[in-house]
C-alpha atoms as a PDB file:
ATOM      1  CA  MET A   1     -51.581 -92.588  63.992  1.00  0.00           C
ATOM      2  CA  SER A   2     -48.408 -91.934  65.999  1.00  0.00           C
ATOM      3  CA  THR A   3     -46.835 -90.198  63.002  1.00  0.00           C
ATOM      4  CA  GLN A   4     -49.759 -87.741  62.844  1.00  0.00           C
ATOM      5  CA  GLN A   5     -49.493 -86.851  66.558  1.00  0.00           C
ATOM      6  CA  ARG A   6     -45.756 -86.305  66.473  1.00  0.00           C
ATOM      7  CA  PRO A   7     -45.868 -82.987  64.502  1.00  0.00           C
ATOM      8  CA  LYS A   8     -48.399 -81.609  67.032  1.00  0.00           C
ATOM      9  CA  VAL A   9     -46.065 -82.419  69.926  1.00  0.00           C
ATOM     10  CA  ASP A  10     -43.078 -80.897  68.105  1.00  0.00           C
ATOM     11  CA  ASN A  11     -45.114 -77.807  67.212  1.00  0.00           C
ATOM     12  CA  SER A  12     -46.220 -77.266  70.808  1.00  0.00           C
ATOM     13  CA  LYS A  13     -42.615 -77.550  72.017  1.00  0.00           C
ATOM     14  CA  MET A  14     -41.510 -75.071  69.361  1.00  0.00           C
ATOM     15  CA  ILE A  15     -44.280 -72.604  70.278  1.00  0.00           C
ATOM     16  CA  THR A  16     -43.358 -72.880  73.968  1.00  0.00           C
ATOM     17  CA  ARG A  17     -39.694 -72.207  73.182  1.00  0.00           C
ATOM     18  CA  LEU A  18     -40.594 -69.231  71.003  1.00  0.00           C
ATOM     19  CA  LEU A  19     -42.855 -67.748  73.707  1.00  0.00           C
ATOM     20  CA  VAL A  20     -40.135 -68.156  76.344  1.00  0.00           C
ATOM     21  CA  THR A  21     -37.660 -66.467  73.989  1.00  0.00           C
ATOM     22  CA  VAL A  22     -40.024 -63.550  73.347  1.00  0.00           C
ATOM     23  CA  VAL A  23     -40.635 -63.057  77.093  1.00  0.00           C
ATOM     24  CA  ALA A  24     -36.893 -63.193  77.806  1.00  0.00           C
ATOM     25  CA  MET A  25     -36.156 -60.659  75.062  1.00  0.00           C
ATOM     26  CA  PHE A  26     -38.885 -58.341  76.377  1.00  0.00           C
ATOM     27  CA  ALA A  27     -37.489 -58.558  79.940  1.00  0.00           C
ATOM     28  CA  PHE A  28     -33.960 -57.913  78.678  1.00  0.00           C
ATOM     29  CA  GLY A  29     -35.208 -54.819  76.833  1.00  0.00           C
ATOM     30  CA  PHE A  30     -36.624 -53.375  80.062  1.00  0.00           C
ATOM     31  CA  ALA A  31     -33.460 -54.191  82.038  1.00  0.00           C
ATOM     32  CA  LEU A  32     -31.241 -52.622  79.380  1.00  0.00           C
ATOM     33  CA  VAL A  33     -32.382 -49.024  80.043  1.00  0.00           C
ATOM     34  CA  PRO A  34     -31.344 -48.821  83.726  1.00  0.00           C
ATOM     35  CA  LEU A  35     -28.177 -50.796  82.995  1.00  0.00           C
ATOM     36  CA  TYR A  36     -27.241 -48.387  80.200  1.00  0.00           C
ATOM     37  CA  GLU A  37     -27.951 -45.348  82.406  1.00  0.00           C
ATOM     38  CA  LYS A  38     -25.759 -46.737  85.193  1.00  0.00           C
ATOM     39  CA  PHE A  39     -23.012 -47.551  82.682  1.00  0.00           C
ATOM     40  CA  CYS A  40     -23.151 -43.979  81.302  1.00  0.00           C
ATOM     41  CA  GLU A  41     -23.068 -42.479  84.787  1.00  0.00           C
ATOM     42  CA  ILE A  42     -20.046 -44.532  85.855  1.00  0.00           C
ATOM     43  CA  THR A  43     -18.014 -44.144  82.671  1.00  0.00           C
ATOM     44  CA  GLY A  44     -19.187 -40.737  81.465  1.00  0.00           C
ATOM     45  CA  PHE A  45     -20.127 -42.430  78.196  1.00  0.00           C
ATOM     46  CA  ASN A  46     -22.616 -40.442  76.122  1.00  0.00           C
ATOM     47  CA  GLY A  47     -21.670 -37.269  78.007  1.00  0.00           C
ATOM     48  CA  ARG A  48     -23.495 -38.148  81.214  1.00  0.00           C
ATOM     49  CA  THR A  49     -22.357 -36.411  84.361  1.00  0.00           C
ATOM     50  CA  SER A  50     -22.940 -37.385  87.945  1.00  0.00           C
ATOM     51  CA  ASN A  51     -26.035 -36.118  89.775  1.00  0.00           C
ATOM     52  CA  THR A  52     -24.169 -35.795  93.057  1.00  0.00           C
ATOM     53  CA  ALA A  53     -21.781 -33.163  94.328  1.00  0.00           C
ATOM     54  CA  ALA A  54     -18.077 -33.834  93.964  1.00  0.00           C
ATOM     55  CA  ALA A  55     -15.647 -33.101  96.766  1.00  0.00           C
ATOM     56  CA  VAL A  56     -14.216 -29.596  96.716  1.00  0.00           C
ATOM     57  CA  SER A  57     -10.778 -29.465  95.090  1.00  0.00           C
ATOM     58  CA  GLU A  58      -9.110 -27.267  97.731  1.00  0.00           C
ATOM     59  CA  GLY A  59      -6.140 -29.587  98.272  1.00  0.00           C
ATOM     60  CA  SER A  60      -5.540 -30.511  94.643  1.00  0.00           C
ATOM     61  CA  LEU A  61      -2.942 -28.935  92.447  1.00  0.00           C
ATOM     62  CA  ILE A  62      -3.914 -26.461  89.774  1.00  0.00           C
ATOM     63  CA  ASP A  63      -2.272 -27.148  86.437  1.00  0.00           C
ATOM     64  CA  THR A  64      -1.358 -23.604  85.361  1.00  0.00           C
ATOM     65  CA  SER A  65       0.572 -24.906  82.368  1.00  0.00           C
ATOM     66  CA  ARG A  66      -2.593 -25.399  80.336  1.00  0.00           C
ATOM     67  CA  LEU A  67      -6.088 -24.055  79.808  1.00  0.00           C
ATOM     68  CA  VAL A  68      -9.250 -25.860  78.794  1.00  0.00           C
ATOM     69  CA  THR A  69     -12.124 -23.962  77.223  1.00  0.00           C
ATOM     70  CA  VAL A  70     -15.483 -24.817  78.799  1.00  0.00           C
ATOM     71  CA  GLU A  71     -18.515 -23.836  76.728  1.00  0.00           C
ATOM     72  CA  PHE A  72     -22.015 -23.568  78.214  1.00  0.00           C
ATOM     73  CA  HIS A  73     -25.152 -24.298  76.204  1.00  0.00           C
ATOM     74  CA  THR A  74     -28.692 -24.102  77.526  1.00  0.00           C
ATOM     75  CA  ARG A  75     -31.959 -25.282  76.030  1.00  0.00           C
ATOM     76  CA  VAL A  76     -35.547 -25.468  77.177  1.00  0.00           C
ATOM     77  CA  ASN A  77     -37.605 -28.522  76.335  1.00  0.00           C
ATOM     78  CA  ARG A  78     -40.641 -27.931  74.170  1.00  0.00           C
ATOM     79  CA  GLY A  79     -43.652 -27.141  76.326  1.00  0.00           C
ATOM     80  CA  LEU A  80     -41.717 -25.304  79.054  1.00  0.00           C
ATOM     81  CA  PRO A  81     -42.251 -21.564  78.522  1.00  0.00           C
ATOM     82  CA  TRP A  82     -39.149 -20.495  80.426  1.00  0.00           C
ATOM     83  CA  GLN A  83     -36.113 -18.529  79.414  1.00  0.00           C
ATOM     84  CA  PHE A  84     -32.940 -20.300  80.527  1.00  0.00           C
ATOM     85  CA  GLU A  85     -29.355 -19.175  79.913  1.00  0.00           C
ATOM     86  CA  SER A  86     -25.878 -18.984  81.402  1.00  0.00           C
ATOM     87  CA  GLU A  87     -24.191 -15.700  82.315  1.00  0.00           C
ATOM     88  CA  VAL A  88     -21.235 -16.603  80.101  1.00  0.00           C
ATOM     89  CA  ARG A  89     -21.037 -18.707  76.962  1.00  0.00           C
ATOM     90  CA  ARG A  90     -17.466 -19.900  77.501  1.00  0.00           C
ATOM     91  CA  MET A  91     -14.551 -19.574  79.877  1.00  0.00           C
ATOM     92  CA  GLN A  92     -10.950 -20.678  80.123  1.00  0.00           C
ATOM     93  CA  VAL A  93     -10.198 -22.969  83.077  1.00  0.00           C
ATOM     94  CA  HIS A  94      -6.955 -24.350  84.463  1.00  0.00           C
ATOM     95  CA  PRO A  95      -7.458 -28.015  85.442  1.00  0.00           C
ATOM     96  CA  GLY A  96      -7.895 -28.148  89.235  1.00  0.00           C
ATOM     97  CA  GLU A  97      -9.161 -24.548  89.426  1.00  0.00           C
ATOM     98  CA  THR A  98     -12.635 -24.058  90.952  1.00  0.00           C
ATOM     99  CA  LYS A  99     -14.987 -21.824  88.943  1.00  0.00           C
ATOM    100  CA  THR A 100     -18.578 -20.678  89.426  1.00  0.00           C
ATOM    101  CA  VAL A 101     -21.032 -19.897  86.634  1.00  0.00           C
ATOM    102  CA  ASN A 102     -24.508 -18.500  87.242  1.00  0.00           C
ATOM    103  CA  PHE A 103     -27.481 -19.596  85.185  1.00  0.00           C
ATOM    104  CA  THR A 104     -30.730 -17.640  84.994  1.00  0.00           C
ATOM    105  CA  ALA A 105     -34.216 -19.070  84.631  1.00  0.00           C
ATOM    106  CA  ILE A 106     -37.296 -16.924  84.032  1.00  0.00           C
ATOM    107  CA  ASN A 107     -40.812 -18.337  84.350  1.00  0.00           C
ATOM    108  CA  ARG A 108     -42.723 -16.489  81.622  1.00  0.00           C
ATOM    109  CA  THR A 109     -46.093 -17.911  82.639  1.00  0.00           C
ATOM    110  CA  GLY A 110     -48.818 -16.818  85.034  1.00  0.00           C
ATOM    111  CA  ARG A 111     -48.545 -20.009  87.095  1.00  0.00           C
ATOM    112  CA  ASN A 112     -46.041 -21.595  89.450  1.00  0.00           C
ATOM    113  CA  MET A 113     -43.913 -24.220  87.744  1.00  0.00           C
ATOM    114  CA  THR A 114     -41.057 -26.603  88.511  1.00  0.00           C
ATOM    115  CA  GLY A 115     -38.153 -27.275  86.163  1.00  0.00           C
ATOM    116  CA  GLN A 116     -35.301 -29.765  86.175  1.00  0.00           C
ATOM    117  CA  ALA A 117     -32.070 -29.296  84.253  1.00  0.00           C
ATOM    118  CA  LEU A 118     -30.294 -32.389  82.965  1.00  0.00           C
ATOM    119  CA  PRO A 119     -26.625 -32.030  81.976  1.00  0.00           C
ATOM    120  CA  SER A 120     -24.509 -33.644  79.308  1.00  0.00           C
ATOM    121  CA  VAL A 121     -20.901 -33.122  78.263  1.00  0.00           C
ATOM    122  CA  ALA A 122     -19.272 -33.303  74.856  1.00  0.00           C
ATOM    123  CA  PRO A 123     -16.997 -34.962  74.071  1.00  0.00           C
ATOM    124  CA  GLY A 124     -18.314 -37.770  76.251  1.00  0.00           C
ATOM    125  CA  GLU A 125     -14.752 -38.717  77.155  1.00  0.00           C
ATOM    126  CA  ALA A 126     -14.501 -35.458  79.168  1.00  0.00           C
ATOM    127  CA  ALA A 127     -17.576 -36.107  81.342  1.00  0.00           C
ATOM    128  CA  PRO A 128     -15.781 -37.933  84.192  1.00  0.00           C
ATOM    129  CA  TYR A 129     -13.308 -35.038  84.484  1.00  0.00           C
ATOM    130  CA  LEU A 130     -15.940 -32.305  84.928  1.00  0.00           C
ATOM    131  CA  LEU A 131     -16.638 -32.339  88.655  1.00  0.00           C
ATOM    132  CA  LYS A 132     -19.526 -30.226  89.978  1.00  0.00           C
ATOM    133  CA  THR A 133     -19.294 -29.295  93.677  1.00  0.00           C
ATOM    134  CA  GLU A 134     -22.563 -27.347  93.599  1.00  0.00           C
ATOM    135  CA  CYS A 135     -25.243 -27.388  90.908  1.00  0.00           C
ATOM    136  CA  PHE A 136     -28.849 -26.417  90.433  1.00  0.00           C
ATOM    137  CA  CYS A 137     -29.132 -29.595  88.347  1.00  0.00           C
ATOM    138  CA  PHE A 138     -28.970 -31.723  91.516  1.00  0.00           C
ATOM    139  CA  GLN A 139     -32.605 -30.915  92.362  1.00  0.00           C
ATOM    140  CA  ASN A 140     -35.895 -29.565  91.030  1.00  0.00           C
ATOM    141  CA  GLN A 141     -36.154 -25.810  90.582  1.00  0.00           C
ATOM    142  CA  PRO A 142     -39.544 -24.405  91.614  1.00  0.00           C
ATOM    143  CA  LEU A 143     -40.217 -20.983  90.138  1.00  0.00           C
ATOM    144  CA  ALA A 144     -43.238 -18.800  90.888  1.00  0.00           C
ATOM    145  CA  ALA A 145     -45.228 -17.166  88.105  1.00  0.00           C
ATOM    146  CA  GLY A 146     -43.207 -14.419  86.421  1.00  0.00           C
ATOM    147  CA  ASP A 147     -40.201 -14.893  88.732  1.00  0.00           C
ATOM    148  CA  THR A 148     -36.508 -15.069  87.913  1.00  0.00           C
ATOM    149  CA  ALA A 149     -33.971 -17.325  89.621  1.00  0.00           C
ATOM    150  CA  VAL A 150     -30.186 -17.084  89.532  1.00  0.00           C
ATOM    151  CA  MET A 151     -28.769 -20.576  89.947  1.00  0.00           C
ATOM    152  CA  PRO A 152     -25.050 -21.184  90.570  1.00  0.00           C
ATOM    153  CA  MET A 153     -23.024 -24.091  89.301  1.00  0.00           C
ATOM    154  CA  GLN A 154     -19.571 -24.555  90.842  1.00  0.00           C
ATOM    155  CA  PHE A 155     -17.142 -26.934  89.177  1.00  0.00           C
ATOM    156  CA  TYR A 156     -13.544 -27.838  88.491  1.00  0.00           C
ATOM    157  CA  LEU A 157     -11.797 -30.005  85.945  1.00  0.00           C
ATOM    158  CA  ASP A 158      -9.874 -32.974  87.297  1.00  0.00           C
ATOM    159  CA  PRO A 159      -6.151 -32.280  86.730  1.00  0.00           C
ATOM    160  CA  ASP A 160      -5.925 -35.741  85.131  1.00  0.00           C
ATOM    161  CA  ILE A 161      -8.085 -34.614  82.192  1.00  0.00           C
ATOM    162  CA  PRO A 162      -6.333 -35.856  79.030  1.00  0.00           C
ATOM    163  CA  ASN A 163      -4.107 -33.286  77.324  1.00  0.00           C
ATOM    164  CA  HIS A 164      -5.860 -33.679  73.975  1.00  0.00           C
ATOM    165  CA  ILE A 165      -9.123 -32.328  75.443  1.00  0.00           C
ATOM    166  CA  ARG A 166      -8.795 -28.596  74.919  1.00  0.00           C
ATOM    167  CA  THR A 167     -12.491 -27.729  74.694  1.00  0.00           C
ATOM    168  CA  LEU A 168     -15.527 -29.296  76.310  1.00  0.00           C
ATOM    169  CA  THR A 169     -19.170 -28.319  76.118  1.00  0.00           C
ATOM    170  CA  LEU A 170     -21.520 -28.539  79.082  1.00  0.00           C
ATOM    171  CA  SER A 171     -25.131 -28.560  77.895  1.00  0.00           C
ATOM    172  CA  TYR A 172     -28.215 -28.285  80.062  1.00  0.00           C
ATOM    173  CA  MET A 173     -31.722 -29.143  78.929  1.00  0.00           C
ATOM    174  CA  MET A 174     -34.462 -27.760  81.201  1.00  0.00           C
ATOM    175  CA  TYR A 175     -37.578 -29.943  81.471  1.00  0.00           C
ATOM    176  CA  ASP A 176     -41.045 -29.197  82.865  1.00  0.00           C
ATOM    177  CA  MET A 177     -41.458 -31.268  86.029  1.00  0.00           C
ATOM    178  CA  THR A 178     -44.431 -29.384  87.493  1.00  0.00           C
ATOM    179  CA  GLU A 179     -46.831 -32.333  87.418  1.00  0.00           C
ATOM    180  CA  ALA A 180     -44.275 -34.850  88.723  1.00  0.00           C
ATOM    181  CA  ALA A 181     -43.259 -32.518  91.566  1.00  0.00           C
ATOM    182  CA  ALA A 182     -46.920 -31.920  92.502  1.00  0.00           C
ATOM    183  CA  GLN A 183     -47.418 -35.677  92.762  1.00  0.00           C
ATOM    184  CA  GLY A 184     -44.310 -36.020  94.933  1.00  0.00           C
ATOM    185  CA  ARG A 185     -42.471 -38.203  92.414  1.00  0.00           C
ATOM    186  CA  VAL A 186     -38.682 -38.213  92.426  1.00  0.00           C
ATOM    187  CA  VAL A 187     -37.505 -36.600  89.224  1.00  0.00           C
ATOM    188  CA  VAL A 188     -33.754 -37.004  89.502  1.00  0.00           C
ATOM    189  CA  ASP A 189     -32.366 -39.518  91.955  1.00  0.00           C
ATOM    190  CA  THR A 190     -29.421 -37.850  93.681  1.00  0.00           C
ATOM    191  CA  SER A 191     -29.091 -40.461  96.406  1.00  0.00           C
ATOM    192  CA  GLU A 192     -26.286 -42.373  94.677  1.00  0.00           C
END
């Protein structure tokens, strides 16, 4: 009789181990998202840029010996009936030189809405070197029905940007955050 009970005991231990493994894997999956986001923010991996203002570069040296082309791309997420674009598509920048680019958003609806622009940089290696001192992407952008907003973004390229980076692309995707803003939820955490 002891030989018949032994497989039941071994099976229950195996089931317990498998359940613990599944729970641990599930918990790791949830923890991976915020860890990955923090990793991308710190390293600039995947083109992520910081959501906080950088210090103004007034005291830094401007490297006039080279130019980097900065391209600006804008997109609107599906479901947000806004027009969103930059005043220029590209500009030449000396590393260390502060530049300002205006972006325009037009609410083409008959209701008040709130948008949020999320940036990314390509190549991802360039993201830590693009330093924004002022940006509309740091906060939600409420826009009344039919209104237009001109939103500045001031930036400079860190003079330590690698020499092989001659062109970088700053892309903004505008998302509809009307419902989240109405509920008082934080959309982009700029407290870090």
